[in-house]
PDB file of N, CA and C in Angstrom:
ATOM      1  N   MET A   1      -7.887   3.296  15.192  1.00  0.00           N
ATOM      2  CA  MET A   1      -7.694   2.262  14.253  1.00  0.00           C
ATOM      3  C   MET A   1      -6.395   2.457  12.962  1.00  0.00           C
ATOM      4  N   PRO A   2      -5.287   2.440  12.944  1.00  0.00           N
ATOM      5  CA  PRO A   2      -4.337   2.479  12.413  1.00  0.00           C
ATOM      6  C   PRO A   2      -4.669   2.007  10.355  1.00  0.00           C
ATOM      7  N   ALA A   3      -4.077   1.965  10.190  1.00  0.00           N
ATOM      8  CA  ALA A   3      -4.776   1.505   8.948  1.00  0.00           C
ATOM      9  C   ALA A   3      -3.303   1.609   7.152  1.00  0.00           C
ATOM     10  N   LEU A   4      -3.760   0.687   6.789  1.00  0.00           N
ATOM     11  CA  LEU A   4      -2.405   0.385   5.685  1.00  0.00           C
ATOM     12  C   LEU A   4      -3.255   0.308   3.733  1.00  0.00           C
ATOM     13  N   ILE A   5      -3.444   1.741   3.155  1.00  0.00           N
ATOM     14  CA  ILE A   5      -4.524   1.670   1.906  1.00  0.00           C
ATOM     15  C   ILE A   5      -2.999   1.516   0.777  1.00  0.00           C
ATOM     16  N   LEU A   6      -3.102   0.227  -0.054  1.00  0.00           N
ATOM     17  CA  LEU A   6      -2.141   0.329  -1.259  1.00  0.00           C
ATOM     18  C   LEU A   6      -3.309   0.413  -1.967  1.00  0.00           C
ATOM     19  N   HIS A   7      -2.656   1.340  -2.881  1.00  0.00           N
ATOM     20  CA  HIS A   7      -3.472   1.652  -4.665  1.00  0.00           C
ATOM     21  C   HIS A   7      -2.709   1.929  -5.414  1.00  0.00           C
ATOM     22  N   ALA A   8      -3.035   1.751  -6.528  1.00  0.00           N
ATOM     23  CA  ALA A   8      -2.573   1.710  -7.743  1.00  0.00           C
ATOM     24  C   ALA A   8      -3.294   2.755  -8.778  1.00  0.00           C
ATOM     25  N   GLU A   9      -2.410   4.001  -8.951  1.00  0.00           N
ATOM     26  CA  GLU A   9      -3.240   4.799  -9.713  1.00  0.00           C
ATOM     27  C   GLU A   9      -3.897   4.100 -10.943  1.00  0.00           C
ATOM     28  N   ASP A  10      -3.585   3.467 -12.217  1.00  0.00           N
ATOM     29  CA  ASP A  10      -3.244   1.995 -12.963  1.00  0.00           C
ATOM     30  C   ASP A  10      -5.077   1.349 -12.855  1.00  0.00           C
ATOM     31  N   ASP A  11      -5.390   1.353 -11.546  1.00  0.00           N
ATOM     32  CA  ASP A  11      -6.468   0.483 -11.004  1.00  0.00           C
ATOM     33  C   ASP A  11      -7.768   1.015 -11.835  1.00  0.00           C
ATOM     34  N   PRO A  12      -7.426  -0.216 -12.792  1.00  0.00           N
ATOM     35  CA  PRO A  12      -8.672   0.199 -14.005  1.00  0.00           C
ATOM     36  C   PRO A  12     -10.622  -0.207 -13.584  1.00  0.00           C
ATOM     37  N   ILE A  13     -10.419  -0.494 -12.141  1.00  0.00           N
ATOM     38  CA  ILE A  13     -11.249  -0.559 -11.488  1.00  0.00           C
ATOM     39  C   ILE A  13     -12.007   0.421 -10.826  1.00  0.00           C
ATOM     40  N   ILE A  14     -11.374   0.453  -9.478  1.00  0.00           N
ATOM     41  CA  ILE A  14     -10.836   1.705  -8.189  1.00  0.00           C
ATOM     42  C   ILE A  14     -10.452   2.544  -8.557  1.00  0.00           C
ATOM     43  N   PRO A  15     -10.878   4.282  -8.976  1.00  0.00           N
ATOM     44  CA  PRO A  15     -10.180   5.352  -9.157  1.00  0.00           C
ATOM     45  C   PRO A  15     -10.082   5.753  -8.110  1.00  0.00           C
ATOM     46  N   GLY A  16      -8.743   6.286  -7.861  1.00  0.00           N
ATOM     47  CA  GLY A  16      -7.722   6.612  -6.722  1.00  0.00           C
ATOM     48  C   GLY A  16      -7.839   8.126  -6.004  1.00  0.00           C
ATOM     49  N   ARG A  17      -9.156   8.592  -6.995  1.00  0.00           N
ATOM     50  CA  ARG A  17      -9.427  10.334  -6.557  1.00  0.00           C
ATOM     51  C   ARG A  17     -10.312  10.178  -4.645  1.00  0.00           C
ATOM     52  N   GLN A  18     -10.329   9.082  -4.912  1.00  0.00           N
ATOM     53  CA  GLN A  18     -11.726   9.217  -3.282  1.00  0.00           C
ATOM     54  C   GLN A  18     -10.356   8.657  -2.169  1.00  0.00           C
ATOM     55  N   PHE A  19      -9.134   8.368  -2.561  1.00  0.00           N
ATOM     56  CA  PHE A  19      -7.883   8.551  -1.515  1.00  0.00           C
ATOM     57  C   PHE A  19      -7.283   9.880  -1.209  1.00  0.00           C
ATOM     58  N   ARG A  20      -7.570  10.719  -2.067  1.00  0.00           N
ATOM     59  CA  ARG A  20      -6.977  12.108  -2.389  1.00  0.00           C
ATOM     60  C   ARG A  20      -7.789  13.420  -1.572  1.00  0.00           C
ATOM     61  N   ASP A  21      -8.858  12.709  -0.436  1.00  0.00           N
ATOM     62  CA  ASP A  21     -10.132  13.004   0.364  1.00  0.00           C
ATOM     63  C   ASP A  21      -9.455  13.522   1.684  1.00  0.00           C
ATOM     64  N   ALA A  22      -8.811  14.684   2.089  1.00  0.00           N
ATOM     65  CA  ALA A  22      -8.943  15.012   3.379  1.00  0.00           C
ATOM     66  C   ALA A  22      -8.715  13.979   4.782  1.00  0.00           C
ATOM     67  N   SER A  23     -10.256  13.424   4.383  1.00  0.00           N
ATOM     68  CA  SER A  23     -10.855  12.367   5.562  1.00  0.00           C
ATOM     69  C   SER A  23      -9.252  11.260   5.285  1.00  0.00           C
ATOM     70  N   ILE A  24      -9.009  11.070   4.519  1.00  0.00           N
ATOM     71  CA  ILE A  24      -8.383   9.878   4.031  1.00  0.00           C
ATOM     72  C   ILE A  24      -6.468  10.192   3.876  1.00  0.00           C
ATOM     73  N   ALA A  25      -6.785  10.877   2.817  1.00  0.00           N
ATOM     74  CA  ALA A  25      -5.235  11.805   3.463  1.00  0.00           C
ATOM     75  C   ALA A  25      -4.670  12.410   3.923  1.00  0.00           C
ATOM     76  N   GLY A  26      -5.027  13.107   5.300  1.00  0.00           N
ATOM     77  CA  GLY A  26      -4.904  13.759   6.279  1.00  0.00           C
ATOM     78  C   GLY A  26      -5.507  13.420   7.385  1.00  0.00           C
ATOM     79  N   ASN A  27      -5.403  11.808   7.028  1.00  0.00           N
ATOM     80  CA  ASN A  27      -6.230  11.217   8.786  1.00  0.00           C
ATOM     81  C   ASN A  27      -4.488  10.276   8.887  1.00  0.00           C
ATOM     82  N   PRO A  28      -4.000  10.919  10.098  1.00  0.00           N
ATOM     83  CA  PRO A  28      -2.878  10.695  10.267  1.00  0.00           C
ATOM     84  C   PRO A  28      -2.689   9.221  11.392  1.00  0.00           C
ATOM     85  N   HIS A  29      -3.797   8.538  11.125  1.00  0.00           N
ATOM     86  CA  HIS A  29      -3.725   7.321  11.736  1.00  0.00           C
ATOM     87  C   HIS A  29      -3.563   6.249   9.915  1.00  0.00           C
ATOM     88  N   VAL A  30      -4.141   6.958   9.341  1.00  0.00           N
ATOM     89  CA  VAL A  30      -4.118   6.315   7.665  1.00  0.00           C
ATOM     90  C   VAL A  30      -2.795   6.460   7.477  1.00  0.00           C
ATOM     91  N   LEU A  31      -1.624   5.244   6.607  1.00  0.00           N
ATOM     92  CA  LEU A  31      -0.905   5.629   5.864  1.00  0.00           C
ATOM     93  C   LEU A  31      -1.067   4.986   4.195  1.00  0.00           C
ATOM     94  N   LEU A  32      -1.316   5.932   3.814  1.00  0.00           N
ATOM     95  CA  LEU A  32      -1.313   5.640   2.001  1.00  0.00           C
ATOM     96  C   LEU A  32      -0.811   5.777   1.071  1.00  0.00           C
ATOM     97  N   VAL A  33      -0.374   5.114   0.374  1.00  0.00           N
ATOM     98  CA  VAL A  33       0.323   4.242  -0.486  1.00  0.00           C
ATOM     99  C   VAL A  33      -0.052   4.055  -2.072  1.00  0.00           C
ATOM    100  N   VAL A  34       0.342   5.295  -2.613  1.00  0.00           N
ATOM    101  CA  VAL A  34      -0.467   5.028  -3.982  1.00  0.00           C
ATOM    102  C   VAL A  34       0.916   5.502  -4.975  1.00  0.00           C
ATOM    103  N   THR A  35       0.916   3.709  -5.790  1.00  0.00           N
ATOM    104  CA  THR A  35       2.040   4.093  -6.672  1.00  0.00           C
ATOM    105  C   THR A  35       1.483   4.616  -8.092  1.00  0.00           C
ATOM    106  N   PRO A  36       2.025   4.499  -8.909  1.00  0.00           N
ATOM    107  CA  PRO A  36       1.582   4.794 -10.493  1.00  0.00           C
ATOM    108  C   PRO A  36       1.085   3.882 -11.366  1.00  0.00           C
ATOM    109  N   ARG A  37       1.960   2.142 -10.796  1.00  0.00           N
ATOM    110  CA  ARG A  37       1.259   1.300 -11.592  1.00  0.00           C
ATOM    111  C   ARG A  37       1.007  -0.099 -10.630  1.00  0.00           C
ATOM    112  N   GLY A  38       1.107  -1.017 -11.034  1.00  0.00           N
ATOM    113  CA  GLY A  38      -0.010  -1.966  -9.850  1.00  0.00           C
ATOM    114  C   GLY A  38      -1.380  -2.793 -10.644  1.00  0.00           C
ATOM    115  N   GLY A  39      -2.156  -1.985 -11.227  1.00  0.00           N
ATOM    116  CA  GLY A  39      -3.168  -2.435 -11.853  1.00  0.00           C
ATOM    117  C   GLY A  39      -4.268  -2.569 -10.733  1.00  0.00           C
ATOM    118  N   HIS A  40      -4.859  -3.869 -10.984  1.00  0.00           N
ATOM    119  CA  HIS A  40      -6.092  -4.417  -9.517  1.00  0.00           C
ATOM    120  C   HIS A  40      -5.769  -5.144  -9.017  1.00  0.00           C
ATOM    121  N   VAL A  41      -5.382  -4.639  -7.586  1.00  0.00           N
ATOM    122  CA  VAL A  41      -4.589  -5.927  -6.970  1.00  0.00           C
ATOM    123  C   VAL A  41      -3.313  -6.861  -7.771  1.00  0.00           C
ATOM    124  N   GLY A  42      -2.546  -6.264  -8.434  1.00  0.00           N
ATOM    125  CA  GLY A  42      -2.080  -6.347  -9.466  1.00  0.00           C
ATOM    126  C   GLY A  42      -0.035  -5.941  -8.723  1.00  0.00           C
ATOM    127  N   PHE A  43       0.248  -6.097  -7.730  1.00  0.00           N
ATOM    128  CA  PHE A  43       1.246  -5.839  -7.151  1.00  0.00           C
ATOM    129  C   PHE A  43       2.655  -6.773  -7.048  1.00  0.00           C
ATOM    130  N   VAL A  44       2.724  -7.551  -8.331  1.00  0.00           N
ATOM    131  CA  VAL A  44       3.619  -8.601  -8.582  1.00  0.00           C
ATOM    132  C   VAL A  44       5.008  -8.635  -9.326  1.00  0.00           C
ATOM    133  N   ALA A  45       6.031  -8.125  -8.952  1.00  0.00           N
ATOM    134  CA  ALA A  45       7.200  -7.939  -9.661  1.00  0.00           C
ATOM    135  C   ALA A  45       6.926  -8.929 -10.551  1.00  0.00           C
ATOM    136  N   ASP A  46       7.931  -8.671 -11.979  1.00  0.00           N
ATOM    137  CA  ASP A  46       7.934 -10.056 -12.993  1.00  0.00           C
ATOM    138  C   ASP A  46       9.016 -10.929 -12.130  1.00  0.00           C
ATOM    139  N   GLU A  47       8.682 -11.943 -11.886  1.00  0.00           N
ATOM    140  CA  GLU A  47       9.577 -12.854 -11.898  1.00  0.00           C
ATOM    141  C   GLU A  47      11.784 -13.615 -12.398  1.00  0.00           C
ATOM    142  N   ALA A  48      10.910 -12.985 -14.092  1.00  0.00           N
ATOM    143  CA  ALA A  48      12.190 -13.160 -14.890  1.00  0.00           C
ATOM    144  C   ALA A  48      12.833 -12.223 -14.137  1.00  0.00           C
ATOM    145  N   ARG A  49      12.790 -11.071 -14.194  1.00  0.00           N
ATOM    146  CA  ARG A  49      13.778  -9.940 -14.209  1.00  0.00           C
ATOM    147  C   ARG A  49      14.080 -10.249 -12.459  1.00  0.00           C
ATOM    148  N   GLY A  50      14.285 -11.186 -11.962  1.00  0.00           N
ATOM    149  CA  GLY A  50      15.251 -11.488 -10.353  1.00  0.00           C
ATOM    150  C   GLY A  50      14.344 -10.288  -9.686  1.00  0.00           C
ATOM    151  N   ASP A  51      13.404  -9.700  -9.876  1.00  0.00           N
ATOM    152  CA  ASP A  51      13.044  -8.851  -8.832  1.00  0.00           C
ATOM    153  C   ASP A  51      13.194  -9.149  -7.524  1.00  0.00           C
ATOM    154  N   ALA A  52      13.845  -8.387  -5.933  1.00  0.00           N
ATOM    155  CA  ALA A  52      13.462  -9.543  -4.736  1.00  0.00           C
ATOM    156  C   ALA A  52      12.603  -8.837  -4.138  1.00  0.00           C
ATOM    157  N   ASP A  53      11.718  -8.039  -4.035  1.00  0.00           N
ATOM    158  CA  ASP A  53      10.506  -7.908  -4.386  1.00  0.00           C
ATOM    159  C   ASP A  53       9.036  -8.076  -4.886  1.00  0.00           C
ATOM    160  N   ARG A  54       9.725  -9.080  -4.622  1.00  0.00           N
ATOM    161  CA  ARG A  54       8.508  -9.723  -6.363  1.00  0.00           C
ATOM    162  C   ARG A  54       6.773  -9.647  -5.275  1.00  0.00           C
ATOM    163  N   ARG A  55       6.402 -10.222  -4.272  1.00  0.00           N
ATOM    164  CA  ARG A  55       5.629  -9.567  -3.482  1.00  0.00           C
ATOM    165  C   ARG A  55       5.465  -8.070  -2.880  1.00  0.00           C
ATOM    166  N   TRP A  56       5.472  -6.977  -3.867  1.00  0.00           N
ATOM    167  CA  TRP A  56       5.806  -6.258  -3.092  1.00  0.00           C
ATOM    168  C   TRP A  56       4.391  -5.371  -1.642  1.00  0.00           C
ATOM    169  N   ALA A  57       3.252  -6.092  -2.826  1.00  0.00           N
ATOM    170  CA  ALA A  57       2.049  -5.347  -1.776  1.00  0.00           C
ATOM    171  C   ALA A  57       2.218  -6.215  -0.277  1.00  0.00           C
ATOM    172  N   GLU A  58       2.056  -7.803   0.140  1.00  0.00           N
ATOM    173  CA  GLU A  58       2.726  -8.555   0.623  1.00  0.00           C
ATOM    174  C   GLU A  58       3.978  -7.798   1.688  1.00  0.00           C
ATOM    175  N   ASN A  59       5.000  -7.773   1.454  1.00  0.00           N
ATOM    176  CA  ASN A  59       6.213  -6.871   2.438  1.00  0.00           C
ATOM    177  C   ASN A  59       5.671  -6.135   2.813  1.00  0.00           C
ATOM    178  N   ARG A  60       4.775  -4.793   1.710  1.00  0.00           N
ATOM    179  CA  ARG A  60       4.107  -3.345   2.466  1.00  0.00           C
ATOM    180  C   ARG A  60       3.578  -3.667   4.306  1.00  0.00           C
ATOM    181  N   VAL A  61       2.984  -4.790   3.776  1.00  0.00           N
ATOM    182  CA  VAL A  61       1.811  -5.191   4.915  1.00  0.00           C
ATOM    183  C   VAL A  61       2.072  -5.303   6.031  1.00  0.00           C
ATOM    184  N   VAL A  62       3.520  -6.684   5.774  1.00  0.00           N
ATOM    185  CA  VAL A  62       4.273  -7.249   7.067  1.00  0.00           C
ATOM    186  C   VAL A  62       5.602  -5.684   7.588  1.00  0.00           C
ATOM    187  N   GLU A  63       6.141  -5.449   6.663  1.00  0.00           N
ATOM    188  CA  GLU A  63       6.492  -3.785   7.555  1.00  0.00           C
ATOM    189  C   GLU A  63       5.305  -2.680   7.817  1.00  0.00           C
ATOM    190  N   PHE A  64       4.402  -2.508   7.336  1.00  0.00           N
ATOM    191  CA  PHE A  64       3.294  -2.082   8.356  1.00  0.00           C
ATOM    192  C   PHE A  64       2.863  -2.553   9.986  1.00  0.00           C
ATOM    193  N   PHE A  65       3.027  -3.948   9.658  1.00  0.00           N
ATOM    194  CA  PHE A  65       2.468  -4.086  11.353  1.00  0.00           C
ATOM    195  C   PHE A  65       3.630  -4.033  11.623  1.00  0.00           C
ATOM    196  N   GLY A  66       4.973  -4.393  10.919  1.00  0.00           N
ATOM    197  CA  GLY A  66       6.259  -4.352  12.091  1.00  0.00           C
ATOM    198  C   GLY A  66       5.909  -2.956  12.742  1.00  0.00           C
ATOM    199  N   ARG A  67       6.053  -1.482  12.080  1.00  0.00           N
ATOM    200  CA  ARG A  67       5.785  -0.679  12.646  1.00  0.00           C
ATOM    201  C   ARG A  67       4.972  -0.783  13.636  1.00  0.00           C
ATOM    202  N   LEU A  68       3.548  -0.599  13.232  1.00  0.00           N
ATOM    203  CA  LEU A  68       2.797  -0.919  14.480  1.00  0.00           C
ATOM    204  C   LEU A  68       3.674  -1.673  15.643  1.00  0.00           C
ATOM    205  N   GLU A  69       3.603  -2.846  16.147  1.00  0.00           N
ATOM    206  CA  GLU A  69       4.082  -3.448  16.618  1.00  0.00           C
ATOM    207  C   GLU A  69       5.473  -2.611  17.831  1.00  0.00           C
ATOM    208  N   GLN A  70       5.919  -2.241  17.140  1.00  0.00           N
ATOM    209  CA  GLN A  70       7.586  -1.833  17.329  1.00  0.00           C
ATOM    210  C   GLN A  70       7.121   0.450  17.907  1.00  0.00           C
ATOM    211  N   SER A  71       6.064   0.509  17.650  1.00  0.00           N
ATOM    212  CA  SER A  71       5.229   1.923  18.429  1.00  0.00           C
ATOM    213  C   SER A  71       4.367   1.306  19.259  1.00  0.00           C
ATOM    214  N   SER A  72       4.291   0.304  19.055  1.00  0.00           N
ATOM    215  CA  SER A  72       3.283  -0.120  20.550  1.00  0.00           C
ATOM    216  C   SER A  72       4.277  -0.751  21.737  1.00  0.00           C
ATOM    217  N   GLY A  73       5.516  -0.350  21.343  1.00  0.00           N
ATOM    218  CA  GLY A  73       6.432  -1.279  22.305  1.00  0.00           C
ATOM    219  C   GLY A  73       6.412  -3.209  23.100  1.00  0.00           C
ATOM    220  N   ARG A  74       6.141  -3.625  21.824  1.00  0.00           N
ATOM    221  CA  ARG A  74       5.733  -4.851  22.115  1.00  0.00           C
ATOM    222  C   ARG A  74       7.677  -5.748  21.573  1.00  0.00           C
TER     223      ARG A  74
END
């Protein structure tokens, strides 16, 4: 089953070290995206800066499912 994991290195609640385990990092069915910043579920850009990708995490999920759909031939 394909899986997407989005994680921030600076998450104060969930440490990132478990995602480096070979069972996750080396799994071809897991797409692991680790960013330096984002906090805990904090992947929202500052609206004042006019960031076009303001909902960064949600956009990565949409892209992930788009890739799955393309690879399935639908």
